[in-house]
Amino acid sequence: MASGPQKFHSVPTPRIGGIAVVTGLLAGGGVLLALQPQFKFNTTDFGYLLLSGAPAFLGGIAEDVTKKVGSSTVC
């Protein structure tokens, strides 16, 4: 088993799960956008949601790809 702060799995484990979460969020937003008149979907608020989540998503993807733990996770 490899060593490191996040190497506690005994079997290989997929790392890039955030992509599935964001894909689901975008798919749900697309469905609500298509049904906008019925549900009064606010595209501005959805844009703010995507914008506010982008740093966490991008940081998580960068950590998953580089396999290095950033300074924000060392507490």
PDB file of N, CA and C in Angstrom:
ATOM      1  N   MET A   1       0.855  -1.180   0.000  1.00  0.00           N
ATOM      2  CA  MET A   1       0.000   0.000   0.000  1.00  0.00           C
ATOM      3  C   MET A   1       0.893   1.231   0.000  1.00  0.00           C
ATOM      4  N   ALA A   2       0.553   2.235  -0.811  1.00  0.00           N
ATOM      5  CA  ALA A   2       1.340   3.461  -0.910  1.00  0.00           C
ATOM      6  C   ALA A   2       1.191   4.295   0.354  1.00  0.00           C
ATOM      7  N   SER A   3       2.187   5.136   0.620  1.00  0.00           N
ATOM      8  CA  SER A   3       2.126   5.973   1.808  1.00  0.00           C
ATOM      9  C   SER A   3       1.714   7.386   1.413  1.00  0.00           C
ATOM     10  N   GLY A   4       1.175   8.100   2.349  1.00  0.00           N
ATOM     11  CA  GLY A   4       0.745   9.475   2.128  1.00  0.00           C
ATOM     12  C   GLY A   4      -0.473   9.777   2.980  1.00  0.00           C
ATOM     13  N   PRO A   5      -0.829  11.057   3.125  1.00  0.00           N
ATOM     14  CA  PRO A   5      -1.921  11.429   4.016  1.00  0.00           C
ATOM     15  C   PRO A   5      -3.289  10.924   3.570  1.00  0.00           C
ATOM     16  N   GLN A   6      -3.457  10.616   2.286  1.00  0.00           N
ATOM     17  CA  GLN A   6      -4.759  10.138   1.821  1.00  0.00           C
ATOM     18  C   GLN A   6      -4.680   8.721   1.279  1.00  0.00           C
ATOM     19  N   LYS A   7      -3.704   7.962   1.668  1.00  0.00           N
ATOM     20  CA  LYS A   7      -3.496   6.610   1.144  1.00  0.00           C
ATOM     21  C   LYS A   7      -3.949   5.567   2.159  1.00  0.00           C
ATOM     22  N   PHE A   8      -5.210   5.599   2.554  1.00  0.00           N
ATOM     23  CA  PHE A   8      -5.684   4.645   3.539  1.00  0.00           C
ATOM     24  C   PHE A   8      -6.529   3.529   2.934  1.00  0.00           C
ATOM     25  N   HIS A   9      -6.782   3.562   1.626  1.00  0.00           N
ATOM     26  CA  HIS A   9      -7.535   2.493   0.980  1.00  0.00           C
ATOM     27  C   HIS A   9      -6.623   1.296   0.721  1.00  0.00           C
ATOM     28  N   SER A  10      -7.147   0.104   0.968  1.00  0.00           N
ATOM     29  CA  SER A  10      -6.349  -1.093   0.735  1.00  0.00           C
ATOM     30  C   SER A  10      -6.480  -1.594  -0.704  1.00  0.00           C
ATOM     31  N   VAL A  11      -7.482  -1.112  -1.436  1.00  0.00           N
ATOM     32  CA  VAL A  11      -7.670  -1.466  -2.849  1.00  0.00           C
ATOM     33  C   VAL A  11      -7.723  -0.176  -3.670  1.00  0.00           C
ATOM     34  N   PRO A  12      -7.400  -0.238  -4.949  1.00  0.00           N
ATOM     35  CA  PRO A  12      -7.481   0.972  -5.775  1.00  0.00           C
ATOM     36  C   PRO A  12      -8.891   1.580  -5.738  1.00  0.00           C
ATOM     37  N   THR A  13      -8.958   2.892  -5.547  1.00  0.00           N
ATOM     38  CA  THR A  13     -10.221   3.599  -5.392  1.00  0.00           C
ATOM     39  C   THR A  13     -10.291   4.747  -6.381  1.00  0.00           C
ATOM     40  N   PRO A  14     -11.400   4.901  -7.102  1.00  0.00           N
ATOM     41  CA  PRO A  14     -11.532   6.026  -8.032  1.00  0.00           C
ATOM     42  C   PRO A  14     -11.393   7.353  -7.293  1.00  0.00           C
ATOM     43  N   ARG A  15     -10.758   8.324  -7.945  1.00  0.00           N
ATOM     44  CA  ARG A  15     -10.483   9.584  -7.290  1.00  0.00           C
ATOM     45  C   ARG A  15     -11.363  10.730  -7.779  1.00  0.00           C
ATOM     46  N   ILE A  16     -11.726  10.765  -9.033  1.00  0.00           N
ATOM     47  CA  ILE A  16     -12.357  11.958  -9.594  1.00  0.00           C
ATOM     48  C   ILE A  16     -13.879  11.827  -9.544  1.00  0.00           C
ATOM     49  N   GLY A  17     -14.453  11.807  -8.340  1.00  0.00           N
ATOM     50  CA  GLY A  17     -15.902  11.714  -8.178  1.00  0.00           C
ATOM     51  C   GLY A  17     -16.603  13.043  -8.293  1.00  0.00           C
ATOM     52  N   GLY A  18     -15.865  14.144  -8.152  1.00  0.00           N
ATOM     53  CA  GLY A  18     -16.465  15.467  -8.253  1.00  0.00           C
ATOM     54  C   GLY A  18     -17.036  15.745  -9.631  1.00  0.00           C
ATOM     55  N   ILE A  19     -16.481  15.105 -10.647  1.00  0.00           N
ATOM     56  CA  ILE A  19     -16.988  15.300 -12.002  1.00  0.00           C
ATOM     57  C   ILE A  19     -18.423  14.785 -12.099  1.00  0.00           C
ATOM     58  N   ALA A  20     -18.704  13.662 -11.477  1.00  0.00           N
ATOM     59  CA  ALA A  20     -20.071  13.121 -11.492  1.00  0.00           C
ATOM     60  C   ALA A  20     -21.031  14.050 -10.754  1.00  0.00           C
ATOM     61  N   VAL A  21     -20.592  14.638  -9.661  1.00  0.00           N
ATOM     62  CA  VAL A  21     -21.437  15.555  -8.897  1.00  0.00           C
ATOM     63  C   VAL A  21     -21.766  16.787  -9.731  1.00  0.00           C
ATOM     64  N   VAL A  22     -20.760  17.381 -10.360  1.00  0.00           N
ATOM     65  CA  VAL A  22     -20.979  18.578 -11.172  1.00  0.00           C
ATOM     66  C   VAL A  22     -21.811  18.243 -12.409  1.00  0.00           C
ATOM     67  N   THR A  23     -21.584  17.083 -13.002  1.00  0.00           N
ATOM     68  CA  THR A  23     -22.385  16.671 -14.154  1.00  0.00           C
ATOM     69  C   THR A  23     -23.858  16.541 -13.770  1.00  0.00           C
ATOM     70  N   GLY A  24     -24.131  15.960 -12.622  1.00  0.00           N
ATOM     71  CA  GLY A  24     -25.506  15.855 -12.130  1.00  0.00           C
ATOM     72  C   GLY A  24     -26.117  17.211 -11.845  1.00  0.00           C
ATOM     73  N   LEU A  25     -25.328  18.113 -11.286  1.00  0.00           N
ATOM     74  CA  LEU A  25     -25.801  19.464 -11.017  1.00  0.00           C
ATOM     75  C   LEU A  25     -26.149  20.185 -12.314  1.00  0.00           C
ATOM     76  N   LEU A  26     -25.292  20.061 -13.312  1.00  0.00           N
ATOM     77  CA  LEU A  26     -25.549  20.700 -14.600  1.00  0.00           C
ATOM     78  C   LEU A  26     -26.745  20.066 -15.312  1.00  0.00           C
ATOM     79  N   ALA A  27     -26.886  18.745 -15.220  1.00  0.00           N
ATOM     80  CA  ALA A  27     -28.034  18.078 -15.837  1.00  0.00           C
ATOM     81  C   ALA A  27     -29.337  18.516 -15.172  1.00  0.00           C
ATOM     82  N   GLY A  28     -29.328  18.582 -13.859  1.00  0.00           N
ATOM     83  CA  GLY A  28     -30.514  19.048 -13.147  1.00  0.00           C
ATOM     84  C   GLY A  28     -30.848  20.488 -13.479  1.00  0.00           C
ATOM     85  N   GLY A  29     -29.819  21.320 -13.589  1.00  0.00           N
ATOM     86  CA  GLY A  29     -30.039  22.712 -13.984  1.00  0.00           C
ATOM     87  C   GLY A  29     -30.586  22.816 -15.389  1.00  0.00           C
ATOM     88  N   GLY A  30     -30.121  21.950 -16.283  1.00  0.00           N
ATOM     89  CA  GLY A  30     -30.638  21.945 -17.649  1.00  0.00           C
ATOM     90  C   GLY A  30     -32.102  21.558 -17.707  1.00  0.00           C
ATOM     91  N   VAL A  31     -32.482  20.567 -16.908  1.00  0.00           N
ATOM     92  CA  VAL A  31     -33.888  20.157 -16.863  1.00  0.00           C
ATOM     93  C   VAL A  31     -34.744  21.292 -16.307  1.00  0.00           C
ATOM     94  N   LEU A  32     -34.296  21.918 -15.234  1.00  0.00           N
ATOM     95  CA  LEU A  32     -35.058  23.024 -14.665  1.00  0.00           C
ATOM     96  C   LEU A  32     -35.120  24.211 -15.615  1.00  0.00           C
ATOM     97  N   LEU A  33     -34.057  24.434 -16.364  1.00  0.00           N
ATOM     98  CA  LEU A  33     -34.058  25.519 -17.350  1.00  0.00           C
ATOM     99  C   LEU A  33     -35.086  25.233 -18.442  1.00  0.00           C
ATOM    100  N   ALA A  34     -35.185  23.978 -18.861  1.00  0.00           N
ATOM    101  CA  ALA A  34     -36.179  23.616 -19.873  1.00  0.00           C
ATOM    102  C   ALA A  34     -37.606  23.781 -19.343  1.00  0.00           C
ATOM    103  N   LEU A  35     -37.783  23.583 -18.049  1.00  0.00           N
ATOM    104  CA  LEU A  35     -39.099  23.713 -17.416  1.00  0.00           C
ATOM    105  C   LEU A  35     -39.260  25.043 -16.694  1.00  0.00           C
ATOM    106  N   GLN A  36     -38.466  26.020 -17.041  1.00  0.00           N
ATOM    107  CA  GLN A  36     -38.390  27.292 -16.313  1.00  0.00           C
ATOM    108  C   GLN A  36     -39.745  27.959 -16.078  1.00  0.00           C
ATOM    109  N   PRO A  37     -40.626  28.073 -17.070  1.00  0.00           N
ATOM    110  CA  PRO A  37     -41.894  28.765 -16.792  1.00  0.00           C
ATOM    111  C   PRO A  37     -42.724  28.074 -15.714  1.00  0.00           C
ATOM    112  N   GLN A  38     -42.651  26.758 -15.655  1.00  0.00           N
ATOM    113  CA  GLN A  38     -43.452  26.014 -14.689  1.00  0.00           C
ATOM    114  C   GLN A  38     -42.899  26.135 -13.273  1.00  0.00           C
ATOM    115  N   PHE A  39     -41.567  26.152 -13.107  1.00  0.00           N
ATOM    116  CA  PHE A  39     -40.953  26.146 -11.783  1.00  0.00           C
ATOM    117  C   PHE A  39     -40.336  27.477 -11.376  1.00  0.00           C
ATOM    118  N   LYS A  40     -40.375  28.468 -12.260  1.00  0.00           N
ATOM    119  CA  LYS A  40     -39.769  29.778 -11.985  1.00  0.00           C
ATOM    120  C   LYS A  40     -38.307  29.621 -11.552  1.00  0.00           C
ATOM    121  N   PHE A  41     -37.542  28.873 -12.349  1.00  0.00           N
ATOM    122  CA  PHE A  41     -36.134  28.606 -12.088  1.00  0.00           C
ATOM    123  C   PHE A  41     -35.335  29.882 -12.294  1.00  0.00           C
ATOM    124  N   ASN A  42     -34.592  30.314 -11.298  1.00  0.00           N
ATOM    125  CA  ASN A  42     -33.818  31.546 -11.360  1.00  0.00           C
ATOM    126  C   ASN A  42     -32.414  31.235 -11.879  1.00  0.00           C
ATOM    127  N   THR A  43     -32.158  31.583 -13.129  1.00  0.00           N
ATOM    128  CA  THR A  43     -30.864  31.275 -13.734  1.00  0.00           C
ATOM    129  C   THR A  43     -29.729  32.070 -13.101  1.00  0.00           C
ATOM    130  N   THR A  44     -30.013  33.261 -12.600  1.00  0.00           N
ATOM    131  CA  THR A  44     -28.968  34.057 -11.947  1.00  0.00           C
ATOM    132  C   THR A  44     -28.480  33.366 -10.680  1.00  0.00           C
ATOM    133  N   ASP A  45     -29.402  32.886  -9.869  1.00  0.00           N
ATOM    134  CA  ASP A  45     -29.010  32.179  -8.638  1.00  0.00           C
ATOM    135  C   ASP A  45     -28.269  30.886  -8.953  1.00  0.00           C
ATOM    136  N   PHE A  46     -28.683  30.197 -10.007  1.00  0.00           N
ATOM    137  CA  PHE A  46     -27.992  28.968 -10.398  1.00  0.00           C
ATOM    138  C   PHE A  46     -26.572  29.290 -10.850  1.00  0.00           C
ATOM    139  N   GLY A  47     -26.404  30.393 -11.560  1.00  0.00           N
ATOM    140  CA  GLY A  47     -25.065  30.832 -11.970  1.00  0.00           C
ATOM    141  C   GLY A  47     -24.192  31.145 -10.762  1.00  0.00           C
ATOM    142  N   TYR A  48     -24.777  31.797  -9.754  1.00  0.00           N
ATOM    143  CA  TYR A  48     -24.028  32.079  -8.521  1.00  0.00           C
ATOM    144  C   TYR A  48     -23.642  30.788  -7.800  1.00  0.00           C
ATOM    145  N   LEU A  49     -24.541  29.800  -7.831  1.00  0.00           N
ATOM    146  CA  LEU A  49     -24.243  28.501  -7.222  1.00  0.00           C
ATOM    147  C   LEU A  49     -23.046  27.855  -7.911  1.00  0.00           C
ATOM    148  N   LEU A  50     -23.056  27.860  -9.248  1.00  0.00           N
ATOM    149  CA  LEU A  50     -21.934  27.286  -9.994  1.00  0.00           C
ATOM    150  C   LEU A  50     -20.648  28.062  -9.731  1.00  0.00           C
ATOM    151  N   LEU A  51     -20.736  29.383  -9.713  1.00  0.00           N
ATOM    152  CA  LEU A  51     -19.563  30.222  -9.487  1.00  0.00           C
ATOM    153  C   LEU A  51     -18.988  30.014  -8.091  1.00  0.00           C
ATOM    154  N   SER A  52     -19.852  29.898  -7.093  1.00  0.00           N
ATOM    155  CA  SER A  52     -19.359  29.724  -5.726  1.00  0.00           C
ATOM    156  C   SER A  52     -18.771  28.330  -5.502  1.00  0.00           C
ATOM    157  N   GLY A  53     -19.257  27.333  -6.224  1.00  0.00           N
ATOM    158  CA  GLY A  53     -18.732  25.982  -6.073  1.00  0.00           C
ATOM    159  C   GLY A  53     -17.498  25.701  -6.914  1.00  0.00           C
ATOM    160  N   ALA A  54     -17.215  26.576  -7.885  1.00  0.00           N
ATOM    161  CA  ALA A  54     -16.094  26.345  -8.802  1.00  0.00           C
ATOM    162  C   ALA A  54     -14.737  26.214  -8.101  1.00  0.00           C
ATOM    163  N   PRO A  55     -14.398  27.070  -7.124  1.00  0.00           N
ATOM    164  CA  PRO A  55     -13.085  26.907  -6.474  1.00  0.00           C
ATOM    165  C   PRO A  55     -12.910  25.547  -5.788  1.00  0.00           C
ATOM    166  N   ALA A  56     -13.939  25.081  -5.110  1.00  0.00           N
ATOM    167  CA  ALA A  56     -13.843  23.769  -4.446  1.00  0.00           C
ATOM    168  C   ALA A  56     -13.734  22.655  -5.476  1.00  0.00           C
ATOM    169  N   PHE A  57     -14.518  22.747  -6.547  1.00  0.00           N
ATOM    170  CA  PHE A  57     -14.473  21.732  -7.597  1.00  0.00           C
ATOM    171  C   PHE A  57     -13.107  21.712  -8.271  1.00  0.00           C
ATOM    172  N   LEU A  58     -12.615  22.877  -8.666  1.00  0.00           N
ATOM    173  CA  LEU A  58     -11.327  22.946  -9.355  1.00  0.00           C
ATOM    174  C   LEU A  58     -10.178  22.521  -8.439  1.00  0.00           C
ATOM    175  N   GLY A  59     -10.248  22.919  -7.169  1.00  0.00           N
ATOM    176  CA  GLY A  59      -9.223  22.490  -6.216  1.00  0.00           C
ATOM    177  C   GLY A  59      -9.240  20.991  -6.005  1.00  0.00           C
ATOM    178  N   GLY A  60     -10.444  20.406  -5.939  1.00  0.00           N
ATOM    179  CA  GLY A  60     -10.558  18.964  -5.774  1.00  0.00           C
ATOM    180  C   GLY A  60     -10.049  18.207  -6.988  1.00  0.00           C
ATOM    181  N   ILE A  61     -10.373  18.707  -8.171  1.00  0.00           N
ATOM    182  CA  ILE A  61      -9.889  18.057  -9.394  1.00  0.00           C
ATOM    183  C   ILE A  61      -8.366  18.162  -9.471  1.00  0.00           C
ATOM    184  N   ALA A  62      -7.822  19.341  -9.152  1.00  0.00           N
ATOM    185  CA  ALA A  62      -6.364  19.516  -9.184  1.00  0.00           C
ATOM    186  C   ALA A  62      -5.691  18.562  -8.203  1.00  0.00           C
ATOM    187  N   GLU A  63      -6.277  18.397  -7.028  1.00  0.00           N
ATOM    188  CA  GLU A  63      -5.696  17.482  -6.033  1.00  0.00           C
ATOM    189  C   GLU A  63      -5.807  16.039  -6.502  1.00  0.00           C
ATOM    190  N   ASP A  64      -6.938  15.697  -7.119  1.00  0.00           N
ATOM    191  CA  ASP A  64      -7.111  14.323  -7.610  1.00  0.00           C
ATOM    192  C   ASP A  64      -6.128  13.996  -8.727  1.00  0.00           C
ATOM    193  N   VAL A  65      -5.887  14.947  -9.608  1.00  0.00           N
ATOM    194  CA  VAL A  65      -5.002  14.696 -10.740  1.00  0.00           C
ATOM    195  C   VAL A  65      -3.534  14.667 -10.306  1.00  0.00           C
ATOM    196  N   THR A  66      -3.135  15.626  -9.450  1.00  0.00           N
ATOM    197  CA  THR A  66      -1.736  15.705  -9.033  1.00  0.00           C
ATOM    198  C   THR A  66      -1.418  14.761  -7.877  1.00  0.00           C
ATOM    199  N   LYS A  67      -2.446  14.326  -7.159  1.00  0.00           N
ATOM    200  CA  LYS A  67      -2.303  13.443  -5.985  1.00  0.00           C
ATOM    201  C   LYS A  67      -1.433  14.072  -4.896  1.00  0.00           C
ATOM    202  N   LYS A  68      -1.486  15.405  -4.814  1.00  0.00           N
ATOM    203  CA  LYS A  68      -0.772  16.120  -3.758  1.00  0.00           C
ATOM    204  C   LYS A  68      -1.812  16.806  -2.888  1.00  0.00           C
ATOM    205  N   VAL A  69      -1.605  16.774  -1.592  1.00  0.00           N
ATOM    206  CA  VAL A  69      -2.510  17.413  -0.656  1.00  0.00           C
ATOM    207  C   VAL A  69      -2.106  18.867  -0.503  1.00  0.00           C
ATOM    208  N   GLY A  70      -3.081  19.764  -0.685  1.00  0.00           N
ATOM    209  CA  GLY A  70      -2.798  21.192  -0.570  1.00  0.00           C
ATOM    210  C   GLY A  70      -2.706  21.638   0.878  1.00  0.00           C
ATOM    211  N   SER A  71      -2.253  22.861   1.083  1.00  0.00           N
ATOM    212  CA  SER A  71      -2.066  23.390   2.431  1.00  0.00           C
ATOM    213  C   SER A  71      -3.397  23.572   3.154  1.00  0.00           C
ATOM    214  N   SER A  72      -4.503  23.714   2.438  1.00  0.00           N
ATOM    215  CA  SER A  72      -5.788  23.911   3.099  1.00  0.00           C
ATOM    216  C   SER A  72      -6.274  22.642   3.793  1.00  0.00           C
ATOM    217  N   THR A  73      -5.733  21.482   3.448  1.00  0.00           N
ATOM    218  CA  THR A  73      -6.174  20.237   4.069  1.00  0.00           C
ATOM    219  C   THR A  73      -5.320  19.839   5.264  1.00  0.00           C
ATOM    220  N   VAL A  74      -4.257  20.580   5.522  1.00  0.00           N
ATOM    221  CA  VAL A  74      -3.372  20.260   6.642  1.00  0.00           C
ATOM    222  C   VAL A  74      -3.777  21.113   7.825  1.00  0.00           C
ATOM    223  N   CYS A  75      -4.535  20.520   8.753  1.00  0.00           N
ATOM    224  CA  CYS A  75      -4.976  21.261   9.941  1.00  0.00           C
ATOM    225  C   CYS A  75      -4.812  20.404  11.175  1.00  0.00           C
TER     226      CYS A  75
END
